[in-house]
Protein backbone atom coordinates (compact mmCIF):
# COMPACT_ATOMS: atom_id res chain seq x y z
CA MET A 1 -16.03 -25.13 14.85
CA LEU A 2 -14.39 -24.14 11.55
CA ALA A 3 -17.41 -25.77 9.47
CA TYR A 4 -16.23 -24.14 6.18
CA ASN A 5 -12.98 -24.83 4.12
CA LYS A 6 -11.77 -24.03 0.60
CA GLN A 7 -8.46 -24.06 -1.20
CA TYR A 8 -6.47 -21.97 -3.35
CA SER A 9 -3.32 -23.28 -5.24
CA SER A 10 -0.69 -21.32 -7.51
CA THR A 11 2.46 -22.15 -8.72
CA ASP A 12 4.10 -20.09 -5.43
CA PHE A 13 1.29 -20.58 -2.82
CA ASN A 14 -0.90 -23.43 -1.12
CA PHE A 15 -3.90 -21.16 0.84
CA ASN A 16 -6.21 -23.69 3.31
CA ILE A 17 -8.84 -21.88 4.43
CA PHE A 18 -10.58 -22.76 7.52
CA ALA A 19 -13.56 -20.33 8.62
CA GLN A 20 -16.38 -20.12 11.16
CA ASP A 21 -18.68 -18.71 8.39
CA GLN A 22 -19.44 -18.81 5.40
CA ASP A 23 -18.99 -15.24 4.57
CA VAL A 24 -15.48 -15.56 4.99
CA ILE A 25 -15.06 -17.51 2.10
CA GLU A 26 -17.24 -15.90 -0.17
CA ALA A 27 -14.92 -12.80 0.83
CA PHE A 28 -11.71 -14.87 -0.33
CA ASP A 29 -13.61 -15.60 -3.53
CA ARG A 30 -14.41 -12.08 -3.98
CA TYR A 31 -10.84 -11.41 -4.25
CA LEU A 32 -8.42 -14.21 -4.88
CA ARG A 33 -8.48 -15.63 -8.88
CA PHE A 34 -5.76 -18.03 -8.92
CA PRO A 35 -4.74 -19.40 -12.10
CA ALA A 36 -4.97 -23.09 -12.96
CA VAL A 37 -1.74 -24.90 -12.44
CA PRO A 38 -0.21 -28.38 -13.17
CA LYS A 39 -1.30 -30.76 -10.22
CA ALA A 40 2.34 -31.69 -9.75
CA VAL A 41 3.55 -28.35 -8.57
CA ASN A 42 4.71 -28.41 -4.75
CA PRO A 43 4.41 -24.55 -3.94
CA ALA A 44 6.82 -22.75 -2.03
CA PHE A 45 4.69 -21.49 0.37
CA ASN A 46 1.84 -23.79 2.26
CA VAL A 47 -0.11 -21.65 4.63
CA ILE A 48 -3.24 -22.52 6.63
CA PHE A 49 -5.72 -19.76 7.63
CA ASN A 50 -7.96 -20.61 10.54
CA ILE A 51 -10.47 -17.74 10.91
CA TYR A 52 -12.64 -17.46 13.88
CA ARG A 53 -15.80 -15.29 14.38
CA SER A 54 -14.69 -12.82 17.52
CA LYS A 55 -17.63 -11.41 19.78
CA THR A 56 -15.78 -11.94 22.78
CA ASN A 57 -12.06 -12.07 24.10
CA SER A 58 -9.63 -13.28 21.97
CA PRO A 59 -8.24 -17.05 23.68
CA VAL A 60 -4.83 -16.11 22.86
CA LEU A 61 -4.31 -12.38 23.23
CA GLY A 62 -6.44 -12.03 26.24
CA LYS A 63 -8.29 -8.83 24.94
CA PRO A 64 -10.95 -8.15 22.26
CA THR A 65 -9.17 -8.76 18.84
CA PHE A 66 -11.65 -7.99 16.02
CA GLU A 67 -9.80 -7.91 12.53
CA LYS A 68 -6.49 -9.48 14.72
CA SER A 69 -4.52 -12.49 13.75
CA GLN A 70 -1.72 -14.73 15.11
CA VAL A 71 1.19 -15.73 12.98
CA ASN A 72 3.23 -19.22 13.61
CA PHE A 73 6.49 -18.52 11.33
CA LYS A 74 7.56 -22.00 11.42
CA GLU A 75 4.36 -23.97 10.65
CA LYS A 76 3.61 -21.29 8.10
CA SER A 77 -0.14 -20.88 9.70
CA ILE A 78 -2.31 -17.92 10.69
CA VAL A 79 -5.17 -17.58 12.98
CA SER A 80 -7.50 -14.94 12.87
CA TRP A 81 -10.15 -13.36 14.34
CA VAL A 82 -12.98 -10.88 12.63
CA LYS A 83 -16.14 -9.09 12.56
CA THR A 84 -18.81 -9.80 9.97
CA LEU A 85 -17.39 -8.94 6.86
CA GLU A 86 -19.45 -6.46 5.51
CA SER A 87 -20.35 -6.17 1.41
CA GLY A 88 -18.43 -3.76 -0.25
CA ASN A 89 -15.94 -3.59 2.81
CA TYR A 90 -14.25 -7.39 2.57
CA VAL A 91 -11.29 -5.92 0.88
CA ILE A 92 -10.31 -3.70 3.83
CA GLN A 93 -11.04 -6.46 6.24
CA LEU A 94 -9.41 -8.47 4.44
CA ASP A 95 -6.44 -6.66 4.71
CA ALA A 96 -6.61 -7.43 8.74
CA ILE A 97 -7.12 -11.13 8.67
CA PHE A 98 -5.57 -12.00 5.66
CA LEU A 99 -2.91 -9.69 3.66
CA ARG A 100 -1.13 -8.07 6.49
CA PRO A 101 -0.06 -11.48 8.45
CA LEU A 102 0.20 -13.06 5.07
CA SER A 103 2.94 -10.33 4.32
CA CYS A 104 4.45 -10.52 8.06
CA LEU A 105 4.83 -14.09 7.48
CA LEU A 106 6.58 -13.96 3.94
CA GLN A 107 8.58 -11.23 5.46
CA TYR A 108 10.35 -13.56 7.70
CA TYR A 109 11.74 -15.74 4.83
CA GLN A 110 13.01 -13.02 3.21
CA PHE A 111 9.84 -11.95 0.78
CA TYR A 112 9.03 -7.98 0.92
CA CYS A 113 5.90 -7.03 -0.08
CA LEU A 114 5.10 -4.40 -2.81
CA HIS A 115 1.65 -3.15 -3.27
CA CYS A 116 1.42 -3.07 -7.32
CA SER A 117 0.04 -4.28 -10.34
CA MET A 118 2.90 -6.13 -12.48
CA VAL A 119 3.18 -7.09 -16.08
CA CYS A 120 5.90 -9.06 -18.17
CA ASN A 121 6.97 -10.40 -21.33
CA ASP A 122 9.84 -12.14 -22.30
CA ASN A 123 12.23 -9.38 -21.94
CA ILE A 124 11.06 -7.02 -19.07
CA SER A 125 9.11 -6.61 -15.81
CA ILE A 126 6.73 -3.75 -14.79
CA VAL A 127 5.92 -3.09 -11.79
CA ILE A 128 3.19 -0.59 -11.44
CA LEU A 129 2.98 1.45 -8.18
CA GLY A 130 1.36 4.23 -6.54
CA PRO A 131 -1.75 5.01 -4.28
CA SER A 132 -5.19 3.71 -5.17
CA GLY A 133 -7.03 5.03 -7.97
CA CYS A 134 -3.86 6.30 -9.46
CA GLY A 135 -4.26 3.68 -12.36
CA LYS A 136 -2.17 0.38 -11.56
CA SER A 137 -4.80 -1.94 -12.91
CA THR A 138 -5.97 0.60 -15.66
CA ILE A 139 -1.93 0.17 -17.24
CA GLY A 140 -1.51 -2.98 -16.50
CA SER A 141 -5.00 -3.76 -18.45
CA LEU A 142 -3.83 -1.99 -21.34
CA LEU A 143 -0.16 -3.26 -21.56
CA SER A 144 -1.79 -6.91 -21.32
CA LEU A 145 -3.78 -5.91 -24.60
CA ASP A 146 0.04 -5.22 -26.10
CA GLY A 147 1.76 -8.26 -25.42
CA PHE A 148 2.42 -8.27 -21.64
CA ASP A 149 1.53 -10.98 -19.24
CA ILE A 150 -0.23 -9.89 -16.01
CA LEU A 151 1.20 -11.39 -12.89
CA CYS A 152 -0.59 -9.97 -9.93
CA ASP A 153 -2.95 -6.40 -9.52
CA ASP A 154 -2.04 -6.10 -5.83
CA ARG A 155 0.67 -7.23 -4.17
CA VAL A 156 3.82 -9.00 -5.18
CA PHE A 157 6.58 -10.27 -2.94
CA ILE A 158 9.73 -10.08 -3.45
CA SER A 159 13.22 -11.59 -2.32
CA SER A 160 16.84 -10.42 -3.20
CA THR A 161 19.03 -12.89 -3.88
CA THR A 162 22.52 -13.62 -5.97
CA GLN A 163 20.99 -14.06 -8.70
CA GLY A 164 18.47 -11.20 -8.78
CA LEU A 165 15.24 -10.08 -7.80
CA ARG A 166 12.64 -13.48 -6.99
CA ILE A 167 9.41 -12.75 -7.27
CA ILE A 168 5.99 -14.48 -5.95
CA PRO A 169 2.52 -12.83 -7.14
CA LEU A 170 -0.38 -12.83 -5.29
CA PRO A 171 -3.11 -13.80 -7.72
CA THR A 172 -6.14 -11.61 -7.34
CA ARG A 173 -9.50 -10.66 -9.61
CA ILE A 174 -8.46 -7.74 -11.31
CA ALA A 175 -10.82 -4.86 -11.22
CA VAL A 176 -9.98 -1.59 -13.82
CA LYS A 177 -12.29 1.28 -11.90
CA ASN A 178 -14.55 3.27 -14.32
CA ILE A 179 -13.94 0.44 -16.70
CA GLU A 180 -17.19 1.53 -18.76
CA GLN A 181 -15.63 4.78 -19.27
CA LYS A 182 -12.27 3.49 -20.93
CA LYS A 183 -13.52 2.52 -24.41
CA LYS A 184 -10.18 0.49 -25.14
CA LEU A 185 -11.09 -1.91 -22.11
CA ARG A 186 -14.99 -1.80 -21.96
CA GLY A 187 -16.29 -5.32 -22.02
CA ARG A 188 -12.63 -7.20 -21.47
CA SER A 189 -11.95 -9.61 -18.87
CA PHE A 190 -8.29 -9.71 -17.35
CA ASN A 191 -6.84 -12.47 -15.53
CA PRO A 192 -3.47 -13.11 -13.95
CA VAL A 193 -1.41 -15.83 -16.01
CA SER A 194 0.50 -18.76 -14.03
CA ILE A 195 4.28 -18.36 -14.07
CA LYS A 196 7.06 -20.94 -13.54
CA SER A 197 7.72 -21.34 -9.60
CA GLY A 198 10.92 -19.49 -9.01
CA LYS A 199 10.88 -16.50 -11.58
CA TYR A 200 13.81 -14.13 -11.14
CA LEU A 201 13.20 -10.70 -12.87
CA ARG A 202 16.07 -9.36 -15.27
CA LYS A 203 15.40 -6.17 -16.59
CA VAL A 204 12.79 -3.98 -14.42
CA ILE A 205 10.95 -0.73 -14.78
CA PHE A 206 9.19 0.34 -11.82
CA LEU A 207 6.48 2.80 -13.02
CA PHE A 208 4.59 5.12 -11.45
CA PRO A 209 1.63 6.72 -12.97
CA THR A 210 -0.13 9.44 -12.82
CA TYR A 211 -3.69 10.32 -13.86
CA ASP A 212 -4.48 14.42 -15.17
CA ALA A 213 -7.28 15.20 -17.01
CA LYS A 214 -5.57 18.45 -18.69
CA THR A 215 -2.39 17.18 -19.47
CA SER A 216 -1.23 15.09 -22.85
CA ALA A 217 0.19 11.86 -22.54
CA GLY A 218 4.01 11.44 -21.37
CA ILE A 219 6.28 9.62 -19.28
CA TYR A 220 9.72 10.94 -17.65
CA GLU A 221 12.39 9.26 -16.37
CA LEU A 222 13.14 9.90 -12.38
CA SER A 223 16.44 9.90 -10.42
CA VAL A 224 17.11 6.92 -8.28
CA ALA A 225 16.83 9.44 -5.24
CA GLU A 226 13.19 9.94 -6.37
CA GLY A 227 11.91 6.36 -7.31
CA VAL A 228 12.94 5.18 -4.35
CA LYS A 229 11.18 7.88 -2.36
CA LYS A 230 7.68 6.82 -3.90
CA LEU A 231 8.48 3.11 -3.58
CA VAL A 232 8.90 3.92 0.52
CA PHE A 233 5.76 6.26 0.67
CA ASP A 234 3.67 3.82 -1.48
CA ASN A 235 4.68 0.65 0.50
CA LEU A 236 5.38 1.87 4.28
CA ILE A 237 4.52 4.78 4.94
CA GLN A 238 0.85 4.89 3.80
CA LYS A 239 -1.44 3.67 6.30
CA ASN A 240 -2.21 0.08 7.18
CA ARG A 241 0.93 -0.95 4.88
CA GLN A 242 3.52 -0.98 7.37
CA PRO A 243 4.38 -4.03 9.05
CA PHE A 244 3.45 -5.19 12.60
CA GLU A 245 6.89 -4.70 14.26
CA ARG A 246 9.30 -1.81 14.29
CA ASP A 247 12.28 -4.33 13.50
CA ALA A 248 10.15 -5.43 10.26
CA GLN A 249 9.63 -2.07 9.47
CA LEU A 250 13.13 -1.32 9.30
CA ALA A 251 14.25 -4.11 7.70
CA HIS A 252 11.62 -3.28 5.20
CA LEU A 253 12.95 -0.13 4.72
CA ASP A 254 16.21 -1.16 3.91
CA PHE A 255 14.90 -3.74 1.10
CA LEU A 256 12.79 -0.70 -0.59
CA CYS A 257 16.14 1.28 -0.44
CA ALA A 258 18.02 -1.12 -2.07
CA LEU A 259 15.55 -1.55 -4.66
CA GLY A 260 17.15 1.22 -6.32
CA LYS A 261 20.09 -0.48 -8.32
CA TYR A 262 18.16 -3.19 -9.91
CA ALA A 263 15.26 -0.71 -11.66
CA VAL A 264 14.72 2.12 -14.29
CA PHE A 265 12.26 4.40 -12.24
CA LEU A 266 9.53 6.43 -14.69
CA LYS A 267 6.92 8.50 -13.97
CA LEU A 268 3.86 8.10 -16.39
CA VAL A 269 1.12 10.71 -17.13
CA TYR A 270 -2.14 9.87 -18.83
CA ASN A 271 -5.85 10.43 -18.66
CA ASP A 272 -8.82 8.60 -20.34
CA HIS A 273 -8.45 10.29 -23.57
CA ASN A 274 -5.00 9.10 -24.49
CA LEU A 275 -5.27 5.70 -22.89
CA ASP A 276 -4.06 4.41 -26.91
CA LYS A 277 -0.91 5.83 -26.27
CA VAL A 278 -0.09 4.47 -23.17
CA SER A 279 1.22 1.09 -24.57
CA GLN A 280 3.44 2.94 -27.01
CA LEU A 281 4.62 5.31 -24.43
CA VAL A 282 5.94 1.95 -21.79
CA LYS A 283 7.39 0.23 -24.74
CA GLY A 284 9.41 2.86 -26.05
CA CYS A 285 11.02 2.68 -22.81
CA CYS A 286 11.62 -1.00 -22.72
């Protein structure tokens, strides 16, 4: 019996979570941060999640399936089985029962996942990419203090259309690592904003931050080949970031390679002592 239920809605997503245990709902609450949206909005993706506690064999897969999922593409529903969600480890486990199957579902509809923070203003969108700890949330938060809106802090789903790149951000809580050591960000809260459904990117920068305590702040243009190589490594090669099936992996690879024609690729070098220069450097490239 799925005794617990929680709904999350944005302009593009409506998630209806049914769970066997309260700790699953609490994990979603800690991760997601959906901004308020008008009641009249009809999200493009209305997804139902049924999450069961798994102690024996899965009734569907016929084998022990701890933190496994089954995706129904036509009905836009996901069934998952999960062990106890451990405190401090909930994001890793949500990756298995929520994020990866959601990415699988959206890829069926030609939306591909990028692991990134993303900000925008009226003129440009900046997609901030890199491995965990490189400063994606830090850079996004800094830019939000200088006129940019935060769209997401973990994942965005992108589709290539004749009108350009259409985006669907996943609104999550923004967690800046070691925020107490960053004077400019200390004591502030940062939240994603609601955007109009069906937003298309006009001018795009793919920004790869690198933290270097011994180097002064600087920004450098990368070639398309270098930028695409980083995109592929950060979003397809790293552990737990591959789609489930080989055909899906190849389609994702083709999509990432094609992004080179849409954007400028930049590398940002920074550290905690020159955060004041970051926004100025990035805006100078816009």
